[in-house]
Amino acid sequence: MSVTTFSDYLRADRSHAGRLRARFTELLGSWESLTHGRGSSEDLAFSLNGADDADVLDFLQQLGAMQRQLGAAVAVVANEVAVRSDVTRGEDALARRHGCRDAGDLIAEVLRSEKRDADAYVRIGKEVVGEDHWTGDRCVPRAPHVAVALQEGELGIAHANEIVKLRHRMAPRVLDDDLAEGEREIVEVAKTGMRLPDFRKVEARLEAQLDPDGLAPSFRKQRRERSVKIYTDIDTGMLNVKAKLDPESGMYVAKFFEAYCTNALRTSRGQNVKGDPEVPTDGEVAGSTVMFRPTDDGVEPVAVDQDTRSIAQMQADALVEACKHLLGCAQDEVPGVTTTVLIRMHADGLHEHLSGKCEAAESESGAMLDAATLRRRAAAANIIPVVLGGDSEVLDLGREHRHFSRAQRLALVERDGGCAYCGLPPGMTEAHHIDWWKAHDGTTDLDNGVLLCTSCHHRVHEGWGVRIAHEPGSPARVAREKSRGGGTVWFIPPEHLDWTQEPRLGGRKRFDIGYRLEHPPTPLPEVRGREW
């Protein structure tokens, strides 16, 4: 058993205290800078009122760093409280002596927080503090990568809690080495500060990669729990609809709402153009995946009519329109869908009994599906498997066509996963020319294309750069990779936001750990050798 000495543990504890002191000193220094020489003020609101944007942001960053450091300390203390509150201690249990049921109750009372937050501190503490060994030494923590990141102040409590829960789910079914490697990779993602909703999608992909055999039982359980509840609120008179759907069924519902809302928003902005000779192509219909106009080189579209509905209101209208259509439809069966659902998996997973274990598949919304589910649906209309591992066609169109073709858009979905910057589903993105078609004589080639949602598209027009990096090699090899949609997407922030202009990883390699392990990011030539 690997252990560390107790003296090493004490030194680490003093180091943590030193970090707390250093963080607090930096925090006070940032507060002083808010006054710009006007003298310190005890009133934070007064100091902020006269500060410029850079100082306010710097102060917020210092607060965040201090909060992460304090959170790590609370987790360590929470673990000690849990140990002293163990039920085996009977009447001497710390929590019981203070009139609390367990450690979580006592911590919540002292911190004046929610019980669930206190339980999270206890859960994290148990994973990041090594247990006492009978020799008197302290064992290495069960989650060593989380422990180090917390101690260094690089990981927040919310992300640490998600990682610890993920470890608990996978530990009984995943080999220790694979679990440790998965923890290391997910901690690196968490240290970037990724938003929790996106981070949970990354976790789902990692869990499916490390434990694909666990998907099918999970889906059977989810299938049994599906439900739709409809009731009228007596106070408001509103009809309430509450649904729980398994991923297989839910992907159709989510795609329908996504297509309806996307079409409504783009129509409002004047970006759905009828009669275009090149769009749609190959039998596509309006609302199908990634069917958008290309970059217009800064020309603002003319809005047809301003749509003031919220997304929630649009989705409500979509449900009503679908029900009205089905109730008034003369057909005996429900008509076929008019949107395309993309499913991504390795080619081998499509064949029965080809390998001894299940192969995971992923819908474009991020829902993980087992291979058996995909095989049952493979013959269904409007499900297009994006199969990996087969031959690819050449997908460069040069200057002959302005619009990205259907095959090109599917290849971009494979490389970018959706919006290459924020990770929104492919159906909410545009195929954007990196070098604009008119202003820069850009080509309609995969190496000059990137999928972006409307918001991130505007970000690029506001000064962000987009680069596609490829592994060094022979000209023929690099040209082949470019023509087939390979490479690594990087976003370069404008200098006024980040004077170092540190490249930020984008595309599927940012959000999908398994894909990133199979296809390691290629750094830009000028930053090769630096941490990505």
Protein backbone atom coordinates (compact mmCIF):
# COMPACT_ATOMS: atom_id res chain seq x y z
CA MET A 1 0.00 0.00 0.00
CA SER A 2 1.32 3.43 -0.94
CA VAL A 3 1.58 5.79 2.00
CA THR A 4 2.99 9.17 2.84
CA THR A 5 4.63 9.94 6.18
CA PHE A 6 2.71 11.91 8.78
CA SER A 7 5.45 14.55 8.77
CA ASP A 8 4.89 15.00 5.02
CA TYR A 9 1.19 15.47 5.72
CA LEU A 10 1.94 18.14 8.33
CA ARG A 11 4.22 19.98 5.92
CA ALA A 12 1.47 19.91 3.30
CA ASP A 13 -0.96 21.27 5.88
CA ARG A 14 1.36 24.16 6.69
CA SER A 15 1.76 24.76 2.97
CA HIS A 16 -2.02 25.02 2.66
CA ALA A 17 -2.08 27.57 5.50
CA GLY A 18 0.63 29.51 3.70
CA ARG A 19 -1.44 29.54 0.54
CA LEU A 20 -4.41 30.90 2.48
CA ARG A 21 -2.30 33.73 3.88
CA ALA A 22 -0.89 34.51 0.43
CA ARG A 23 -4.35 34.54 -1.13
CA PHE A 24 -5.68 36.85 1.55
CA THR A 25 -2.75 39.24 1.05
CA GLU A 26 -3.41 39.31 -2.71
CA LEU A 27 -7.10 39.90 -2.03
CA LEU A 28 -6.38 42.90 0.17
CA GLY A 29 -3.93 44.26 -2.41
CA SER A 30 -6.59 43.99 -5.10
CA TRP A 31 -9.04 45.82 -2.84
CA GLU A 32 -6.52 48.62 -2.32
CA SER A 33 -6.08 48.97 -6.08
CA LEU A 34 -9.81 49.62 -6.46
CA THR A 35 -9.35 53.03 -4.80
CA HIS A 36 -6.56 54.15 -7.17
CA GLY A 37 -4.66 56.05 -4.48
CA ARG A 38 -7.74 57.62 -2.93
CA GLY A 39 -7.05 55.73 0.27
CA SER A 40 -8.60 52.50 1.44
CA SER A 41 -12.29 52.33 2.17
CA GLU A 42 -14.06 49.99 4.54
CA ASP A 43 -17.11 50.10 2.31
CA LEU A 44 -16.69 47.64 -0.57
CA ALA A 45 -19.61 49.06 -2.58
CA PHE A 46 -18.05 52.55 -2.42
CA SER A 47 -14.69 51.19 -3.60
CA LEU A 48 -16.28 49.31 -6.49
CA ASN A 49 -18.33 52.32 -7.59
CA GLY A 50 -15.22 54.32 -8.44
CA ALA A 51 -13.15 51.46 -9.89
CA ASP A 52 -12.58 50.70 -13.56
CA ASP A 53 -13.55 47.41 -15.23
CA ALA A 54 -10.08 45.85 -15.02
CA ASP A 55 -9.83 46.37 -11.26
CA VAL A 56 -13.34 45.02 -10.62
CA LEU A 57 -12.57 41.90 -12.66
CA ASP A 58 -9.21 41.48 -10.91
CA PHE A 59 -10.91 41.72 -7.51
CA LEU A 60 -13.51 39.12 -8.55
CA GLN A 61 -10.72 36.79 -9.67
CA GLN A 62 -8.97 37.22 -6.33
CA LEU A 63 -12.23 36.46 -4.52
CA GLY A 64 -12.63 33.32 -6.63
CA ALA A 65 -9.10 32.16 -5.81
CA MET A 66 -9.69 32.80 -2.11
CA GLN A 67 -13.02 30.97 -2.22
CA ARG A 68 -11.41 27.90 -3.84
CA GLN A 69 -8.66 27.84 -1.21
CA LEU A 70 -11.16 28.19 1.64
CA GLY A 71 -13.37 25.52 0.09
CA ALA A 72 -10.47 23.07 0.10
CA ALA A 73 -9.85 23.83 3.78
CA VAL A 74 -13.52 23.34 4.64
CA ALA A 75 -13.48 19.93 2.91
CA VAL A 76 -10.51 18.80 5.04
CA VAL A 77 -12.20 20.02 8.24
CA ALA A 78 -15.50 18.41 7.19
CA ASN A 79 -13.74 15.07 6.85
CA GLU A 80 -12.36 15.37 10.37
CA VAL A 81 -15.81 16.25 11.71
CA ALA A 82 -17.22 13.19 9.91
CA VAL A 83 -14.56 10.93 11.44
CA ARG A 84 -15.31 12.26 14.93
CA SER A 85 -19.05 11.93 14.31
CA ASP A 86 -18.95 8.26 13.27
CA VAL A 87 -21.85 6.26 14.70
CA THR A 88 -19.44 3.70 16.16
CA ARG A 89 -18.44 6.33 18.73
CA GLY A 90 -21.91 6.19 20.22
CA GLU A 91 -22.62 8.94 22.73
CA ASP A 92 -19.15 10.41 22.14
CA ALA A 93 -19.82 11.17 18.48
CA LEU A 94 -19.16 14.86 17.85
CA ALA A 95 -22.35 15.58 15.90
CA ARG A 96 -24.52 13.72 18.41
CA ARG A 97 -23.05 15.63 21.36
CA HIS A 98 -24.12 18.85 19.62
CA GLY A 99 -27.66 17.64 19.00
CA CYS A 100 -27.19 16.81 15.30
CA ARG A 101 -27.96 13.57 13.48
CA ASP A 102 -24.72 13.41 11.53
CA ALA A 103 -21.67 15.37 10.40
CA GLY A 104 -23.58 16.97 7.53
CA ASP A 105 -26.17 18.44 9.89
CA LEU A 106 -23.50 19.82 12.20
CA ILE A 107 -21.49 21.36 9.36
CA ALA A 108 -24.61 22.88 7.78
CA GLU A 109 -25.53 24.42 11.13
CA VAL A 110 -22.07 25.90 11.71
CA LEU A 111 -21.60 27.15 8.14
CA ARG A 112 -25.27 28.22 7.88
CA SER A 113 -25.56 26.44 4.57
CA GLU A 114 -27.79 23.89 2.86
CA LYS A 115 -27.47 20.30 4.10
CA ARG A 116 -26.62 19.14 0.59
CA ASP A 117 -23.70 21.59 0.46
CA ALA A 118 -22.42 20.31 3.80
CA ASP A 119 -22.75 16.71 2.58
CA ALA A 120 -20.72 17.67 -0.50
CA TYR A 121 -17.89 18.93 1.72
CA VAL A 122 -17.93 15.65 3.67
CA ARG A 123 -18.00 13.62 0.46
CA ILE A 124 -15.04 15.51 -1.00
CA GLY A 125 -13.09 15.43 2.25
CA LYS A 126 -13.28 11.64 2.45
CA GLU A 127 -11.76 11.38 -1.03
CA VAL A 128 -8.98 13.97 -0.70
CA VAL A 129 -7.71 13.19 2.83
CA GLY A 130 -5.82 9.92 3.14
CA GLU A 131 -6.91 7.57 5.90
CA ASP A 132 -4.71 6.81 8.90
CA HIS A 133 -2.69 3.62 8.42
CA TRP A 134 -2.04 1.20 11.29
CA THR A 135 1.67 2.04 11.00
CA GLY A 136 0.93 5.64 11.96
CA ASP A 137 1.42 6.92 8.42
CA ARG A 138 -1.30 8.46 6.28
CA CYS A 139 -2.43 6.74 3.07
CA VAL A 140 -2.50 8.49 -0.26
CA PRO A 141 -6.01 9.96 -0.89
CA ARG A 142 -8.44 7.91 -2.94
CA ALA A 143 -8.73 10.85 -5.35
CA PRO A 144 -5.14 12.12 -5.51
CA HIS A 145 -5.60 14.34 -8.58
CA VAL A 146 -8.60 16.06 -7.02
CA ALA A 147 -6.66 16.49 -3.78
CA VAL A 148 -3.70 18.18 -5.47
CA ALA A 149 -5.89 20.46 -7.59
CA LEU A 150 -7.89 21.51 -4.52
CA GLN A 151 -4.79 22.17 -2.48
CA GLU A 152 -3.33 24.29 -5.28
CA GLY A 153 -6.52 26.32 -5.50
CA GLU A 154 -7.13 25.26 -9.11
CA LEU A 155 -10.37 23.38 -8.54
CA GLY A 156 -13.68 24.62 -7.21
CA ILE A 157 -15.88 22.70 -4.78
CA ALA A 158 -18.71 22.29 -7.33
CA HIS A 159 -16.45 20.62 -9.89
CA ALA A 160 -14.70 18.55 -7.19
CA ASN A 161 -18.07 17.28 -5.99
CA GLU A 162 -19.05 16.19 -9.51
CA ILE A 163 -15.75 14.34 -9.97
CA VAL A 164 -16.02 12.58 -6.61
CA LYS A 165 -19.57 11.42 -7.40
CA LEU A 166 -18.36 10.17 -10.77
CA ARG A 167 -15.61 8.15 -9.06
CA HIS A 168 -18.17 6.59 -6.71
CA ARG A 169 -20.32 5.47 -9.64
CA MET A 170 -17.47 4.00 -11.66
CA ALA A 171 -15.21 2.51 -8.94
CA PRO A 172 -17.04 -0.87 -8.68
CA ARG A 173 -16.88 -1.48 -12.44
CA VAL A 174 -13.69 0.18 -13.72
CA LEU A 175 -10.08 -0.91 -13.29
CA ASP A 176 -8.04 1.20 -10.86
CA ASP A 177 -5.57 2.35 -13.52
CA ASP A 178 -8.36 3.39 -15.89
CA LEU A 179 -10.17 5.16 -13.06
CA ALA A 180 -7.02 7.07 -12.08
CA GLU A 181 -6.38 8.10 -15.70
CA GLY A 182 -9.98 9.20 -16.10
CA GLU A 183 -9.75 11.24 -12.90
CA ARG A 184 -6.59 12.93 -14.13
CA GLU A 185 -8.18 13.87 -17.45
CA ILE A 186 -11.44 15.16 -15.96
CA VAL A 187 -9.55 17.24 -13.37
CA GLU A 188 -7.59 18.91 -16.18
CA VAL A 189 -10.89 19.84 -17.83
CA ALA A 190 -12.33 21.16 -14.56
CA LYS A 191 -9.28 23.35 -13.97
CA THR A 192 -10.16 25.34 -17.10
CA GLY A 193 -13.27 26.63 -15.29
CA MET A 194 -15.73 25.02 -17.71
CA ARG A 195 -19.36 25.76 -16.83
CA LEU A 196 -21.03 22.97 -14.84
CA PRO A 197 -23.70 22.07 -17.46
CA ASP A 198 -20.98 21.57 -20.08
CA PHE A 199 -18.73 19.83 -17.55
CA ARG A 200 -21.45 17.28 -16.78
CA LYS A 201 -21.66 16.44 -20.49
CA VAL A 202 -17.91 15.82 -20.53
CA GLU A 203 -18.33 13.54 -17.51
CA ALA A 204 -21.10 11.58 -19.24
CA ARG A 205 -18.85 10.97 -22.24
CA LEU A 206 -15.97 9.87 -20.01
CA GLU A 207 -18.21 7.52 -18.03
CA ALA A 208 -19.50 5.94 -21.24
CA GLN A 209 -15.94 5.52 -22.49
CA LEU A 210 -14.64 3.91 -19.28
CA ASP A 211 -17.73 1.82 -18.57
CA PRO A 212 -19.60 1.13 -21.85
CA ASP A 213 -21.03 -2.12 -20.44
CA GLY A 214 -22.87 -0.10 -17.83
CA LEU A 215 -24.89 1.84 -20.40
CA ALA A 216 -27.44 -0.83 -21.28
CA PRO A 217 -28.57 -1.54 -17.67
CA SER A 218 -28.72 2.19 -17.06
CA PHE A 219 -30.93 2.68 -20.12
CA ARG A 220 -33.30 -0.09 -19.02
CA LYS A 221 -33.68 1.64 -15.66
CA GLN A 222 -34.23 5.01 -17.35
CA ARG A 223 -36.78 3.45 -19.68
CA ARG A 224 -38.81 2.12 -16.73
CA GLU A 225 -38.82 5.57 -15.14
CA ARG A 226 -40.16 7.43 -18.19
CA SER A 227 -43.31 9.43 -17.51
CA VAL A 228 -45.47 12.36 -18.57
CA LYS A 229 -47.63 14.07 -15.95
CA ILE A 230 -50.37 16.51 -16.92
CA TYR A 231 -52.28 18.50 -14.34
CA THR A 232 -54.02 21.85 -13.95
CA ASP A 233 -52.75 24.34 -11.38
CA ILE A 234 -55.81 25.31 -9.34
CA ASP A 235 -54.37 28.74 -8.40
CA THR A 236 -53.39 29.88 -11.92
CA GLY A 237 -55.55 27.71 -14.18
CA MET A 238 -52.44 26.83 -16.20
CA LEU A 239 -52.06 23.33 -17.64
CA ASN A 240 -48.74 21.86 -16.46
CA VAL A 241 -46.88 19.21 -18.44
CA LYS A 242 -43.93 17.48 -16.76
CA ALA A 243 -42.01 14.82 -18.66
CA LYS A 244 -39.15 12.42 -17.94
CA LEU A 245 -37.77 10.58 -20.99
CA ASP A 246 -34.95 8.13 -21.51
CA PRO A 247 -32.12 9.39 -23.78
CA GLU A 248 -33.22 7.25 -26.74
CA SER A 249 -36.73 8.72 -26.77
CA GLY A 250 -35.70 12.14 -25.56
CA MET A 251 -33.31 12.82 -28.43
CA TYR A 252 -36.27 13.00 -30.86
CA VAL A 253 -38.19 15.39 -28.60
CA ALA A 254 -35.13 17.57 -27.99
CA LYS A 255 -34.36 17.65 -31.72
CA PHE A 256 -37.92 18.69 -32.55
CA PHE A 257 -37.88 21.60 -30.09
CA GLU A 258 -34.38 22.61 -31.20
CA ALA A 259 -35.37 22.63 -34.89
CA TYR A 260 -38.56 24.62 -34.21
CA CYS A 261 -36.81 27.27 -32.11
CA THR A 262 -33.82 27.54 -34.45
CA ASN A 263 -36.09 27.99 -37.46
CA ALA A 264 -38.16 30.63 -35.63
CA LEU A 265 -35.11 32.60 -34.52
CA ARG A 266 -33.45 32.53 -37.93
CA THR A 267 -36.68 33.48 -39.67
CA SER A 268 -36.98 36.45 -37.32
CA ARG A 269 -33.44 37.48 -38.25
CA GLY A 270 -34.02 37.12 -41.98
CA GLN A 271 -31.57 34.23 -42.34
CA ASN A 272 -33.86 31.55 -43.76
CA VAL A 273 -33.79 32.21 -47.49
CA LYS A 274 -36.08 30.34 -49.90
CA GLY A 275 -35.10 29.56 -53.45
CA ASP A 276 -31.35 29.28 -52.84
CA PRO A 277 -30.00 27.00 -55.62
CA GLU A 278 -27.46 25.38 -53.30
CA VAL A 279 -29.37 25.20 -50.00
CA PRO A 280 -30.94 22.83 -49.21
CA THR A 281 -29.07 20.10 -51.09
CA ASP A 282 -29.31 16.34 -51.37
CA GLY A 283 -32.95 16.27 -50.33
CA GLU A 284 -32.48 18.33 -47.17
CA VAL A 285 -35.45 20.15 -45.71
CA ALA A 286 -35.67 23.32 -43.69
CA GLY A 287 -34.71 22.70 -40.08
CA SER A 288 -32.35 19.79 -40.78
CA THR A 289 -29.04 19.64 -39.01
CA VAL A 290 -26.57 22.46 -39.69
CA MET A 291 -28.52 23.80 -42.68
CA PHE A 292 -27.53 27.47 -42.54
CA ARG A 293 -26.33 30.25 -44.75
CA PRO A 294 -22.57 30.92 -44.83
CA THR A 295 -20.80 33.97 -43.44
CA ASP A 296 -22.16 37.19 -44.95
CA ASP A 297 -18.96 39.18 -44.45
CA GLY A 298 -20.47 41.58 -41.94
CA VAL A 299 -23.68 42.32 -43.87
CA GLU A 300 -26.55 42.42 -41.40
CA PRO A 301 -29.59 40.34 -42.47
CA VAL A 302 -32.96 42.00 -42.78
CA ALA A 303 -35.31 40.72 -40.09
CA VAL A 304 -38.65 39.47 -41.39
CA ASP A 305 -40.48 40.12 -38.12
CA GLN A 306 -39.15 40.62 -34.62
CA ASP A 307 -39.92 37.56 -32.50
CA THR A 308 -40.27 38.60 -28.87
CA ARG A 309 -40.97 35.12 -27.49
CA SER A 310 -38.58 33.52 -25.02
CA ILE A 311 -37.12 30.09 -25.78
CA ALA A 312 -39.47 28.55 -23.21
CA GLN A 313 -42.45 30.19 -24.93
CA MET A 314 -41.26 28.97 -28.34
CA GLN A 315 -41.02 25.42 -27.01
CA ALA A 316 -44.54 25.68 -25.59
CA ASP A 317 -45.83 26.88 -28.97
CA ALA A 318 -43.94 24.03 -30.69
CA LEU A 319 -45.71 21.45 -28.51
CA VAL A 320 -49.10 23.02 -29.20
CA GLU A 321 -48.48 23.18 -32.96
CA ALA A 322 -47.37 19.52 -33.03
CA CYS A 323 -50.47 18.39 -31.13
CA LYS A 324 -52.82 20.49 -33.30
CA HIS A 325 -51.22 19.04 -36.43
CA LEU A 326 -51.53 15.44 -35.24
CA LEU A 327 -55.14 15.85 -34.10
CA GLY A 328 -56.15 17.35 -37.44
CA CYS A 329 -53.99 15.13 -39.65
CA ALA A 330 -55.86 12.79 -42.00
CA GLN A 331 -53.07 10.20 -41.99
CA ASP A 332 -53.49 7.08 -39.87
CA GLU A 333 -49.88 7.19 -38.71
CA VAL A 334 -47.74 9.97 -37.36
CA PRO A 335 -45.97 11.62 -40.31
CA GLY A 336 -42.21 11.29 -40.58
CA VAL A 337 -39.98 13.82 -38.89
CA THR A 338 -38.44 16.65 -40.90
CA THR A 339 -35.24 16.93 -38.93
CA THR A 340 -32.09 14.85 -38.95
CA VAL A 341 -30.73 13.14 -35.83
CA LEU A 342 -27.00 12.46 -35.87
CA ILE A 343 -25.56 9.48 -34.00
CA ARG A 344 -21.78 9.14 -33.61
CA MET A 345 -19.97 5.85 -32.89
CA HIS A 346 -17.13 3.66 -34.12
CA ALA A 347 -17.83 1.49 -37.16
CA ASP A 348 -17.18 -1.77 -35.26
CA GLY A 349 -19.98 -0.98 -32.86
CA LEU A 350 -22.57 -1.35 -35.63
CA HIS A 351 -21.91 -5.06 -36.06
CA GLU A 352 -23.44 -7.68 -33.81
CA HIS A 353 -21.07 -9.84 -31.77
CA LEU A 354 -18.02 -8.19 -33.27
CA SER A 355 -16.45 -7.59 -29.87
CA GLY A 356 -17.02 -8.88 -26.39
CA LYS A 357 -18.11 -5.59 -24.85
CA CYS A 358 -20.67 -2.97 -25.63
CA GLU A 359 -19.73 0.07 -27.71
CA ALA A 360 -21.00 3.51 -26.71
CA ALA A 361 -22.67 5.85 -29.18
CA GLU A 362 -23.49 9.53 -28.79
CA SER A 363 -26.35 11.62 -30.11
CA GLU A 364 -25.66 15.17 -31.24
CA SER A 365 -27.30 16.52 -28.09
CA GLY A 366 -24.69 14.69 -25.99
CA ALA A 367 -26.89 11.80 -24.78
CA MET A 368 -24.95 8.53 -24.54
CA LEU A 369 -26.51 5.45 -26.19
CA ASP A 370 -25.40 1.81 -26.12
CA ALA A 371 -24.72 0.06 -29.42
CA ALA A 372 -27.74 -2.22 -29.07
CA THR A 373 -30.03 0.81 -28.95
CA LEU A 374 -28.41 2.26 -32.06
CA ARG A 375 -28.68 -1.03 -33.96
CA ARG A 376 -32.41 -1.17 -33.18
CA ARG A 377 -32.82 2.31 -34.62
CA ALA A 378 -30.29 2.15 -37.46
CA ALA A 379 -32.96 1.39 -40.05
CA ALA A 380 -35.25 4.19 -38.88
CA ALA A 381 -35.75 7.16 -41.17
CA ASN A 382 -33.73 10.30 -40.63
CA ILE A 383 -31.12 8.75 -38.32
CA ILE A 384 -27.69 9.22 -39.85
CA PRO A 385 -24.85 7.33 -38.15
CA VAL A 386 -21.61 9.28 -38.35
CA VAL A 387 -19.41 6.19 -38.54
CA LEU A 388 -15.79 6.47 -37.49
CA GLY A 389 -13.01 4.33 -38.86
CA GLY A 390 -14.18 4.07 -42.47
CA ASP A 391 -12.85 5.71 -45.62
CA SER A 392 -13.56 9.40 -46.13
CA GLU A 393 -14.29 11.27 -49.32
CA VAL A 394 -12.44 14.40 -50.37
CA LEU A 395 -14.49 17.31 -49.09
CA ASP A 396 -12.81 20.45 -50.44
CA LEU A 397 -14.84 22.62 -52.80
CA GLY A 398 -12.42 25.56 -53.16
CA ARG A 399 -13.97 28.68 -54.74
CA GLU A 400 -16.42 26.76 -56.92
CA HIS A 401 -19.19 26.75 -54.28
CA ARG A 402 -19.85 29.25 -51.55
CA HIS A 403 -22.09 27.07 -49.39
CA PHE A 404 -20.75 24.17 -47.36
CA SER A 405 -22.23 20.90 -48.61
CA ARG A 406 -24.11 18.38 -46.51
CA ALA A 407 -21.11 16.03 -46.43
CA GLN A 408 -18.85 18.87 -45.34
CA ARG A 409 -21.19 19.86 -42.54
CA LEU A 410 -21.29 16.28 -41.26
CA ALA A 411 -17.47 16.22 -41.30
CA LEU A 412 -17.40 19.48 -39.34
CA VAL A 413 -19.83 17.97 -36.81
CA GLU A 414 -17.36 15.11 -36.32
CA ARG A 415 -14.41 17.46 -35.73
CA ASP A 416 -16.18 20.25 -33.80
CA GLY A 417 -18.96 18.28 -32.09
CA GLY A 418 -21.29 21.28 -32.32
CA CYS A 419 -20.38 24.89 -31.66
CA ALA A 420 -16.60 24.68 -31.53
CA TYR A 421 -16.43 27.34 -28.81
CA CYS A 422 -19.33 26.74 -26.41
CA GLY A 423 -20.45 23.21 -27.32
CA LEU A 424 -24.09 23.87 -28.33
CA PRO A 425 -25.64 21.07 -30.47
CA PRO A 426 -24.90 21.06 -34.23
CA GLY A 427 -28.46 22.09 -35.12
CA MET A 428 -27.88 25.45 -33.43
CA THR A 429 -24.71 26.26 -35.36
CA GLU A 430 -23.57 27.83 -38.63
CA ALA A 431 -20.85 26.58 -40.94
CA HIS A 432 -18.62 29.67 -40.77
CA HIS A 433 -15.82 30.57 -43.20
CA ILE A 434 -12.68 31.30 -41.13
CA ASP A 435 -11.30 33.38 -44.02
CA TRP A 436 -14.43 35.13 -45.23
CA TRP A 437 -15.79 34.28 -48.66
CA LYS A 438 -15.88 37.85 -50.02
CA ALA A 439 -13.52 39.93 -47.94
CA HIS A 440 -10.68 37.40 -47.78
CA ASP A 441 -11.40 35.23 -50.85
CA GLY A 442 -11.91 32.32 -48.47
CA THR A 443 -12.45 28.82 -49.81
CA THR A 444 -15.28 26.43 -48.96
CA ASP A 445 -12.90 23.80 -47.60
CA LEU A 446 -13.03 21.92 -44.30
CA ASP A 447 -9.80 23.53 -43.15
CA ASN A 448 -11.43 26.93 -43.64
CA GLY A 449 -14.69 26.00 -41.90
CA VAL A 450 -15.81 25.90 -38.28
CA LEU A 451 -19.21 25.37 -36.63
CA LEU A 452 -20.34 28.31 -34.48
CA CYS A 453 -23.62 29.24 -32.82
CA THR A 454 -24.98 32.73 -33.42
CA SER A 455 -23.51 34.14 -30.20
CA CYS A 456 -20.04 32.72 -30.81
CA HIS A 457 -20.25 33.77 -34.46
CA HIS A 458 -20.63 37.35 -33.24
CA ARG A 459 -17.67 36.79 -30.90
CA VAL A 460 -15.46 35.96 -33.90
CA HIS A 461 -16.61 39.13 -35.66
CA GLU A 462 -15.64 41.08 -32.53
CA GLY A 463 -11.97 40.22 -32.82
CA TRP A 464 -11.50 36.57 -31.86
CA GLY A 465 -9.30 34.56 -34.19
CA VAL A 466 -9.82 30.95 -35.27
CA ARG A 467 -6.93 28.68 -36.26
CA ILE A 468 -6.81 25.03 -37.32
CA ALA A 469 -3.55 23.29 -36.37
CA HIS A 470 -2.23 20.08 -37.96
CA GLU A 471 0.53 17.69 -36.96
CA PRO A 472 3.78 18.34 -38.89
CA GLY A 473 4.38 15.89 -41.72
CA SER A 474 4.87 15.56 -45.42
CA PRO A 475 2.92 18.04 -47.57
CA ALA A 476 0.82 15.19 -48.95
CA ARG A 477 -0.07 13.92 -45.46
CA VAL A 478 -1.01 17.37 -44.19
CA ALA A 479 -3.06 18.07 -47.32
CA ARG A 480 -4.90 14.76 -46.86
CA GLU A 481 -5.74 15.60 -43.23
CA LYS A 482 -6.95 19.07 -44.19
CA SER A 483 -9.21 17.74 -46.93
CA ARG A 484 -10.85 15.26 -44.53
CA GLY A 485 -11.64 17.60 -41.68
CA GLY A 486 -8.84 16.72 -39.29
CA GLY A 487 -6.84 19.05 -37.08
CA THR A 488 -7.29 20.95 -33.84
CA VAL A 489 -9.46 24.06 -33.48
CA TRP A 490 -7.96 26.95 -31.50
CA PHE A 491 -9.54 30.27 -30.57
CA ILE A 492 -7.29 33.33 -30.10
CA PRO A 493 -8.76 36.07 -27.85
CA PRO A 494 -8.29 39.70 -28.89
CA GLU A 495 -5.47 41.58 -27.18
CA HIS A 496 -7.78 43.86 -25.18
CA LEU A 497 -9.26 40.78 -23.44
CA ASP A 498 -6.02 38.83 -22.99
CA TRP A 499 -2.79 40.63 -23.75
CA THR A 500 -0.93 37.30 -23.92
CA GLN A 501 -3.52 36.04 -26.49
CA GLU A 502 -3.24 32.55 -25.03
CA PRO A 503 -4.86 30.08 -27.50
CA ARG A 504 -7.95 28.33 -26.14
CA LEU A 505 -8.79 24.79 -27.20
CA GLY A 506 -12.03 24.38 -29.13
CA GLY A 507 -14.04 21.73 -30.94
CA ARG A 508 -14.76 18.17 -29.83
CA LYS A 509 -11.30 17.88 -28.27
CA ARG A 510 -12.35 20.43 -25.65
CA PHE A 511 -15.57 18.68 -24.62
CA ASP A 512 -14.90 14.97 -25.28
CA ILE A 513 -12.07 13.39 -23.27
CA GLY A 514 -12.21 10.07 -25.11
CA TYR A 515 -11.92 11.80 -28.48
CA ARG A 516 -9.07 13.94 -27.17
CA LEU A 517 -7.15 10.86 -25.98
CA GLU A 518 -7.56 9.25 -29.40
CA HIS A 519 -6.67 12.51 -31.18
CA PRO A 520 -4.33 14.58 -28.95
CA PRO A 521 -4.57 18.34 -29.57
CA THR A 522 -1.96 19.71 -31.94
CA PRO A 523 -0.54 23.01 -30.62
CA LEU A 524 -0.16 25.97 -32.92
CA PRO A 525 3.38 26.19 -34.32
CA GLU A 526 4.21 29.39 -32.41
CA VAL A 527 3.16 27.87 -29.05
CA ARG A 528 4.36 24.29 -29.56
CA GLY A 529 5.70 22.83 -26.34
CA ARG A 530 3.46 24.89 -24.05
CA GLU A 531 0.70 23.43 -21.88
CA TRP A 532 -2.66 23.42 -23.67
